[in-house]
Amino acid sequence: MLDIDTGEQIEALYRMVEISGGKRVEKFQTTEIERALKYQRWYAKRYRRGLYMEIIPKKKVYDWKEKKVEYNFE
């Protein structure tokens, strides 16, 4: 995923979710956009309904007490 502010490439988590009857069911997640789109096409062809794609960027979290940096998807 390309960050608009800095113009650099950042890693993102692509999560495929089905929302039906007010319930949210996670179907698939990956860090590769090609795999996410391939799964979406397969799912739509097989079940004749689409999925909602969430794109969650990887964020840098600094722990000032222990003075270390962690990266996670939020």
PDB file of N, CA and C in Angstrom:
ATOM      1  N   MET A   1       0.846  -1.162   0.000  1.00  0.00           N
ATOM      2  CA  MET A   1       0.000   0.000   0.000  1.00  0.00           C
ATOM      3  C   MET A   1       0.900   1.235   0.000  1.00  0.00           C
ATOM      4  N   LEU A   2       0.517   2.236  -0.747  1.00  0.00           N
ATOM      5  CA  LEU A   2       1.300   3.456  -0.858  1.00  0.00           C
ATOM      6  C   LEU A   2       0.739   4.504   0.102  1.00  0.00           C
ATOM      7  N   ASP A   3       1.588   5.044   0.964  1.00  0.00           N
ATOM      8  CA  ASP A   3       1.182   6.084   1.906  1.00  0.00           C
ATOM      9  C   ASP A   3       1.085   7.413   1.161  1.00  0.00           C
ATOM     10  N   ILE A   4      -0.043   8.085   1.261  1.00  0.00           N
ATOM     11  CA  ILE A   4      -0.274   9.322   0.522  1.00  0.00           C
ATOM     12  C   ILE A   4       0.593  10.458   1.060  1.00  0.00           C
ATOM     13  N   ASP A   5       0.758  10.542   2.384  1.00  0.00           N
ATOM     14  CA  ASP A   5       1.503  11.650   2.979  1.00  0.00           C
ATOM     15  C   ASP A   5       2.995  11.596   2.653  1.00  0.00           C
ATOM     16  N   THR A   6       3.605  10.426   2.834  1.00  0.00           N
ATOM     17  CA  THR A   6       5.056  10.314   2.646  1.00  0.00           C
ATOM     18  C   THR A   6       5.448   9.778   1.284  1.00  0.00           C
ATOM     19  N   GLY A   7       4.553   9.073   0.602  1.00  0.00           N
ATOM     20  CA  GLY A   7       4.855   8.513  -0.704  1.00  0.00           C
ATOM     21  C   GLY A   7       5.657   7.226  -0.643  1.00  0.00           C
ATOM     22  N   GLU A   8       5.780   6.640   0.531  1.00  0.00           N
ATOM     23  CA  GLU A   8       6.550   5.396   0.661  1.00  0.00           C
ATOM     24  C   GLU A   8       5.608   4.192   0.749  1.00  0.00           C
ATOM     25  N   GLN A   9       6.150   3.056   0.450  1.00  0.00           N
ATOM     26  CA  GLN A   9       5.403   1.809   0.480  1.00  0.00           C
ATOM     27  C   GLN A   9       5.333   1.301   1.912  1.00  0.00           C
ATOM     28  N   ILE A  10       4.104   1.030   2.404  1.00  0.00           N
ATOM     29  CA  ILE A  10       3.937   0.476   3.747  1.00  0.00           C
ATOM     30  C   ILE A  10       3.163  -0.829   3.649  1.00  0.00           C
ATOM     31  N   GLU A  11       3.350  -1.674   4.623  1.00  0.00           N
ATOM     32  CA  GLU A  11       2.670  -2.964   4.647  1.00  0.00           C
ATOM     33  C   GLU A  11       1.271  -2.787   5.220  1.00  0.00           C
ATOM     34  N   ALA A  12       0.318  -3.540   4.703  1.00  0.00           N
ATOM     35  CA  ALA A  12      -1.066  -3.449   5.161  1.00  0.00           C
ATOM     36  C   ALA A  12      -1.646  -4.852   5.280  1.00  0.00           C
ATOM     37  N   LEU A  13      -2.643  -4.985   6.129  1.00  0.00           N
ATOM     38  CA  LEU A  13      -3.363  -6.242   6.301  1.00  0.00           C
ATOM     39  C   LEU A  13      -4.697  -6.101   5.580  1.00  0.00           C
ATOM     40  N   TYR A  14      -4.986  -7.027   4.676  1.00  0.00           N
ATOM     41  CA  TYR A  14      -6.237  -7.017   3.923  1.00  0.00           C
ATOM     42  C   TYR A  14      -7.133  -8.085   4.523  1.00  0.00           C
ATOM     43  N   ARG A  15      -8.276  -7.656   5.054  1.00  0.00           N
ATOM     44  CA  ARG A  15      -9.177  -8.567   5.754  1.00  0.00           C
ATOM     45  C   ARG A  15     -10.510  -8.607   5.007  1.00  0.00           C
ATOM     46  N   MET A  16     -10.954  -9.810   4.646  1.00  0.00           N
ATOM     47  CA  MET A  16     -12.212 -10.000   3.941  1.00  0.00           C
ATOM     48  C   MET A  16     -13.277 -10.387   4.958  1.00  0.00           C
ATOM     49  N   VAL A  17     -14.386  -9.633   4.974  1.00  0.00           N
ATOM     50  CA  VAL A  17     -15.420  -9.785   5.991  1.00  0.00           C
ATOM     51  C   VAL A  17     -16.775  -9.889   5.316  1.00  0.00           C
ATOM     52  N   GLU A  18     -17.611 -10.789   5.844  1.00  0.00           N
ATOM     53  CA  GLU A  18     -18.994 -10.900   5.389  1.00  0.00           C
ATOM     54  C   GLU A  18     -19.891 -10.296   6.460  1.00  0.00           C
ATOM     55  N   ILE A  19     -20.783  -9.397   6.038  1.00  0.00           N
ATOM     56  CA  ILE A  19     -21.739  -8.797   6.959  1.00  0.00           C
ATOM     57  C   ILE A  19     -23.119  -9.250   6.513  1.00  0.00           C
ATOM     58  N   SER A  20     -23.768 -10.032   7.378  1.00  0.00           N
ATOM     59  CA  SER A  20     -25.062 -10.589   7.031  1.00  0.00           C
ATOM     60  C   SER A  20     -25.948 -10.608   8.268  1.00  0.00           C
ATOM     61  N   GLY A  21     -27.091  -9.991   8.178  1.00  0.00           N
ATOM     62  CA  GLY A  21     -28.026  -9.992   9.301  1.00  0.00           C
ATOM     63  C   GLY A  21     -27.493  -9.268  10.529  1.00  0.00           C
ATOM     64  N   GLY A  22     -26.674  -8.268  10.328  1.00  0.00           N
ATOM     65  CA  GLY A  22     -26.103  -7.524  11.440  1.00  0.00           C
ATOM     66  C   GLY A  22     -24.926  -8.194  12.106  1.00  0.00           C
ATOM     67  N   LYS A  23     -24.502  -9.333  11.588  1.00  0.00           N
ATOM     68  CA  LYS A  23     -23.350 -10.048  12.143  1.00  0.00           C
ATOM     69  C   LYS A  23     -22.158  -9.905  11.217  1.00  0.00           C
ATOM     70  N   ARG A  24     -21.002  -9.787  11.802  1.00  0.00           N
ATOM     71  CA  ARG A  24     -19.755  -9.614  11.065  1.00  0.00           C
ATOM     72  C   ARG A  24     -18.926 -10.888  11.215  1.00  0.00           C
ATOM     73  N   VAL A  25     -18.665 -11.552  10.094  1.00  0.00           N
ATOM     74  CA  VAL A  25     -17.907 -12.800  10.109  1.00  0.00           C
ATOM     75  C   VAL A  25     -16.655 -12.612   9.260  1.00  0.00           C
ATOM     76  N   GLU A  26     -15.481 -12.790   9.893  1.00  0.00           N
ATOM     77  CA  GLU A  26     -14.226 -12.654   9.165  1.00  0.00           C
ATOM     78  C   GLU A  26     -13.966 -13.935   8.381  1.00  0.00           C
ATOM     79  N   LYS A  27     -13.741 -13.791   7.079  1.00  0.00           N
ATOM     80  CA  LYS A  27     -13.556 -14.944   6.203  1.00  0.00           C
ATOM     81  C   LYS A  27     -12.094 -15.205   5.862  1.00  0.00           C
ATOM     82  N   PHE A  28     -11.302 -14.147   5.653  1.00  0.00           N
ATOM     83  CA  PHE A  28      -9.954 -14.332   5.143  1.00  0.00           C
ATOM     84  C   PHE A  28      -9.139 -13.094   5.457  1.00  0.00           C
ATOM     85  N   GLN A  29      -7.828 -13.271   5.741  1.00  0.00           N
ATOM     86  CA  GLN A  29      -6.938 -12.129   5.907  1.00  0.00           C
ATOM     87  C   GLN A  29      -5.547 -12.485   5.410  1.00  0.00           C
ATOM     88  N   THR A  30      -4.891 -11.491   4.810  1.00  0.00           N
ATOM     89  CA  THR A  30      -3.563 -11.667   4.252  1.00  0.00           C
ATOM     90  C   THR A  30      -2.880 -10.305   4.144  1.00  0.00           C
ATOM     91  N   THR A  31      -1.586 -10.316   3.916  1.00  0.00           N
ATOM     92  CA  THR A  31      -0.853  -9.072   3.700  1.00  0.00           C
ATOM     93  C   THR A  31      -0.573  -8.840   2.222  1.00  0.00           C
ATOM     94  N   GLU A  32      -1.045  -9.717   1.355  1.00  0.00           N
ATOM     95  CA  GLU A  32      -0.823  -9.600  -0.089  1.00  0.00           C
ATOM     96  C   GLU A  32      -2.133  -9.258  -0.786  1.00  0.00           C
ATOM     97  N   ILE A  33      -2.146  -8.158  -1.525  1.00  0.00           N
ATOM     98  CA  ILE A  33      -3.356  -7.701  -2.201  1.00  0.00           C
ATOM     99  C   ILE A  33      -3.801  -8.677  -3.289  1.00  0.00           C
ATOM    100  N   GLU A  34      -2.849  -9.308  -3.977  1.00  0.00           N
ATOM    101  CA  GLU A  34      -3.207 -10.248  -5.047  1.00  0.00           C
ATOM    102  C   GLU A  34      -3.975 -11.441  -4.493  1.00  0.00           C
ATOM    103  N   ARG A  35      -3.531 -11.977  -3.357  1.00  0.00           N
ATOM    104  CA  ARG A  35      -4.229 -13.115  -2.739  1.00  0.00           C
ATOM    105  C   ARG A  35      -5.622 -12.718  -2.263  1.00  0.00           C
ATOM    106  N   ALA A  36      -5.763 -11.500  -1.724  1.00  0.00           N
ATOM    107  CA  ALA A  36      -7.056 -11.027  -1.253  1.00  0.00           C
ATOM    108  C   ALA A  36      -8.039 -10.888  -2.414  1.00  0.00           C
ATOM    109  N   LEU A  37      -7.584 -10.326  -3.529  1.00  0.00           N
ATOM    110  CA  LEU A  37      -8.458 -10.171  -4.686  1.00  0.00           C
ATOM    111  C   LEU A  37      -8.806 -11.519  -5.317  1.00  0.00           C
ATOM    112  N   LYS A  38      -7.849 -12.435  -5.336  1.00  0.00           N
ATOM    113  CA  LYS A  38      -8.118 -13.775  -5.864  1.00  0.00           C
ATOM    114  C   LYS A  38      -9.162 -14.498  -5.011  1.00  0.00           C
ATOM    115  N   TYR A  39      -9.061 -14.361  -3.682  1.00  0.00           N
ATOM    116  CA  TYR A  39     -10.048 -14.972  -2.792  1.00  0.00           C
ATOM    117  C   TYR A  39     -11.422 -14.337  -2.998  1.00  0.00           C
ATOM    118  N   GLN A  40     -11.457 -13.015  -3.180  1.00  0.00           N
ATOM    119  CA  GLN A  40     -12.720 -12.318  -3.408  1.00  0.00           C
ATOM    120  C   GLN A  40     -13.399 -12.832  -4.677  1.00  0.00           C
ATOM    121  N   ARG A  41     -12.623 -12.993  -5.762  1.00  0.00           N
ATOM    122  CA  ARG A  41     -13.187 -13.503  -7.012  1.00  0.00           C
ATOM    123  C   ARG A  41     -13.702 -14.927  -6.845  1.00  0.00           C
ATOM    124  N   TRP A  42     -12.929 -15.771  -6.170  1.00  0.00           N
ATOM    125  CA  TRP A  42     -13.346 -17.156  -5.954  1.00  0.00           C
ATOM    126  C   TRP A  42     -14.616 -17.213  -5.119  1.00  0.00           C
ATOM    127  N   TYR A  43     -14.678 -16.433  -4.043  1.00  0.00           N
ATOM    128  CA  TYR A  43     -15.829 -16.435  -3.147  1.00  0.00           C
ATOM    129  C   TYR A  43     -17.086 -15.935  -3.863  1.00  0.00           C
ATOM    130  N   ALA A  44     -16.939 -14.876  -4.657  1.00  0.00           N
ATOM    131  CA  ALA A  44     -18.084 -14.325  -5.379  1.00  0.00           C
ATOM    132  C   ALA A  44     -18.604 -15.301  -6.429  1.00  0.00           C
ATOM    133  N   LYS A  45     -17.680 -16.007  -7.090  1.00  0.00           N
ATOM    134  CA  LYS A  45     -18.101 -16.985  -8.094  1.00  0.00           C
ATOM    135  C   LYS A  45     -18.799 -18.179  -7.445  1.00  0.00           C
ATOM    136  N   ARG A  46     -18.277 -18.630  -6.323  1.00  0.00           N
ATOM    137  CA  ARG A  46     -18.822 -19.820  -5.671  1.00  0.00           C
ATOM    138  C   ARG A  46     -20.146 -19.554  -4.955  1.00  0.00           C
ATOM    139  N   TYR A  47     -20.221 -18.479  -4.164  1.00  0.00           N
ATOM    140  CA  TYR A  47     -21.391 -18.221  -3.323  1.00  0.00           C
ATOM    141  C   TYR A  47     -22.319 -17.137  -3.871  1.00  0.00           C
ATOM    142  N   ARG A  48     -21.942 -16.492  -4.968  1.00  0.00           N
ATOM    143  CA  ARG A  48     -22.740 -15.465  -5.625  1.00  0.00           C
ATOM    144  C   ARG A  48     -23.083 -14.290  -4.701  1.00  0.00           C
ATOM    145  N   ARG A  49     -22.123 -13.902  -3.879  1.00  0.00           N
ATOM    146  CA  ARG A  49     -22.234 -12.697  -3.058  1.00  0.00           C
ATOM    147  C   ARG A  49     -20.836 -12.199  -2.744  1.00  0.00           C
ATOM    148  N   GLY A  50     -20.740 -10.911  -2.518  1.00  0.00           N
ATOM    149  CA  GLY A  50     -19.436 -10.300  -2.309  1.00  0.00           C
ATOM    150  C   GLY A  50     -19.043 -10.195  -0.844  1.00  0.00           C
ATOM    151  N   LEU A  51     -17.815  -9.789  -0.637  1.00  0.00           N
ATOM    152  CA  LEU A  51     -17.286  -9.573   0.699  1.00  0.00           C
ATOM    153  C   LEU A  51     -16.813  -8.137   0.835  1.00  0.00           C
ATOM    154  N   TYR A  52     -16.757  -7.676   2.043  1.00  0.00           N
ATOM    155  CA  TYR A  52     -16.274  -6.344   2.373  1.00  0.00           C
ATOM    156  C   TYR A  52     -14.788  -6.445   2.677  1.00  0.00           C
ATOM    157  N   MET A  53     -13.975  -5.578   2.067  1.00  0.00           N
ATOM    158  CA  MET A  53     -12.536  -5.620   2.299  1.00  0.00           C
ATOM    159  C   MET A  53     -12.121  -4.473   3.218  1.00  0.00           C
ATOM    160  N   GLU A  54     -11.461  -4.830   4.321  1.00  0.00           N
ATOM    161  CA  GLU A  54     -10.900  -3.833   5.218  1.00  0.00           C
ATOM    162  C   GLU A  54      -9.404  -3.766   4.969  1.00  0.00           C
ATOM    163  N   ILE A  55      -8.874  -2.567   4.872  1.00  0.00           N
ATOM    164  CA  ILE A  55      -7.440  -2.374   4.687  1.00  0.00           C
ATOM    165  C   ILE A  55      -6.902  -1.726   5.952  1.00  0.00           C
ATOM    166  N   ILE A  56      -6.051  -2.457   6.664  1.00  0.00           N
ATOM    167  CA  ILE A  56      -5.527  -1.999   7.943  1.00  0.00           C
ATOM    168  C   ILE A  56      -4.022  -1.795   7.789  1.00  0.00           C
ATOM    169  N   PRO A  57      -3.546  -0.542   7.856  1.00  0.00           N
ATOM    170  CA  PRO A  57      -2.104  -0.302   7.693  1.00  0.00           C
ATOM    171  C   PRO A  57      -1.316  -0.725   8.921  1.00  0.00           C
ATOM    172  N   LYS A  58      -0.049  -1.041   8.709  1.00  0.00           N
ATOM    173  CA  LYS A  58       0.849  -1.396   9.791  1.00  0.00           C
ATOM    174  C   LYS A  58       1.309  -0.114  10.469  1.00  0.00           C
ATOM    175  N   LYS A  59       1.158  -0.050  11.789  1.00  0.00           N
ATOM    176  CA  LYS A  59       1.511   1.165  12.519  1.00  0.00           C
ATOM    177  C   LYS A  59       2.701   0.928  13.428  1.00  0.00           C
ATOM    178  N   LYS A  60       3.457   1.978  13.608  1.00  0.00           N
ATOM    179  CA  LYS A  60       4.623   1.953  14.474  1.00  0.00           C
ATOM    180  C   LYS A  60       4.199   2.440  15.863  1.00  0.00           C
ATOM    181  N   VAL A  61       4.434   1.604  16.894  1.00  0.00           N
ATOM    182  CA  VAL A  61       4.061   1.939  18.262  1.00  0.00           C
ATOM    183  C   VAL A  61       5.334   1.984  19.100  1.00  0.00           C
ATOM    184  N   TYR A  62       5.553   3.109  19.760  1.00  0.00           N
ATOM    185  CA  TYR A  62       6.739   3.290  20.578  1.00  0.00           C
ATOM    186  C   TYR A  62       6.367   3.148  22.050  1.00  0.00           C
ATOM    187  N   ASP A  63       7.010   2.208  22.760  1.00  0.00           N
ATOM    188  CA  ASP A  63       6.819   2.020  24.191  1.00  0.00           C
ATOM    189  C   ASP A  63       7.908   2.815  24.912  1.00  0.00           C
ATOM    190  N   TRP A  64       7.519   3.949  25.477  1.00  0.00           N
ATOM    191  CA  TRP A  64       8.504   4.845  26.078  1.00  0.00           C
ATOM    192  C   TRP A  64       9.067   4.322  27.391  1.00  0.00           C
ATOM    193  N   LYS A  65       8.342   3.433  28.065  1.00  0.00           N
ATOM    194  CA  LYS A  65       8.853   2.880  29.314  1.00  0.00           C
ATOM    195  C   LYS A  65      10.009   1.918  29.069  1.00  0.00           C
ATOM    196  N   GLU A  66       9.832   1.046  28.104  1.00  0.00           N
ATOM    197  CA  GLU A  66      10.870   0.056  27.800  1.00  0.00           C
ATOM    198  C   GLU A  66      11.761   0.491  26.646  1.00  0.00           C
ATOM    199  N   LYS A  67      11.454   1.603  26.056  1.00  0.00           N
ATOM    200  CA  LYS A  67      12.233   2.195  24.962  1.00  0.00           C
ATOM    201  C   LYS A  67      12.440   1.232  23.793  1.00  0.00           C
ATOM    202  N   LYS A  68      11.333   0.714  23.313  1.00  0.00           N
ATOM    203  CA  LYS A  68      11.405  -0.140  22.135  1.00  0.00           C
ATOM    204  C   LYS A  68      10.239   0.154  21.195  1.00  0.00           C
ATOM    205  N   VAL A  69      10.445  -0.180  19.958  1.00  0.00           N
ATOM    206  CA  VAL A  69       9.450   0.082  18.902  1.00  0.00           C
ATOM    207  C   VAL A  69       8.847  -1.247  18.465  1.00  0.00           C
ATOM    208  N   GLU A  70       7.518  -1.267  18.355  1.00  0.00           N
ATOM    209  CA  GLU A  70       6.801  -2.448  17.865  1.00  0.00           C
ATOM    210  C   GLU A  70       5.949  -2.029  16.679  1.00  0.00           C
ATOM    211  N   TYR A  71       5.758  -2.939  15.768  1.00  0.00           N
ATOM    212  CA  TYR A  71       4.892  -2.703  14.616  1.00  0.00           C
ATOM    213  C   TYR A  71       3.729  -3.664  14.729  1.00  0.00           C
ATOM    214  N   ASN A  72       2.492  -3.136  14.553  1.00  0.00           N
ATOM    215  CA  ASN A  72       1.319  -3.995  14.594  1.00  0.00           C
ATOM    216  C   ASN A  72       0.230  -3.411  13.702  1.00  0.00           C
ATOM    217  N   PHE A  73      -0.771  -4.232  13.429  1.00  0.00           N
ATOM    218  CA  PHE A  73      -1.917  -3.821  12.625  1.00  0.00           C
ATOM    219  C   PHE A  73      -3.020  -3.425  13.588  1.00  0.00           C
ATOM    220  N   GLU A  74      -3.530  -2.207  13.442  1.00  0.00           N
ATOM    221  CA  GLU A  74      -4.612  -1.747  14.314  1.00  0.00           C
ATOM    222  C   GLU A  74      -5.819  -1.380  13.504  1.00  0.00           C
TER     223      GLU A  74
END
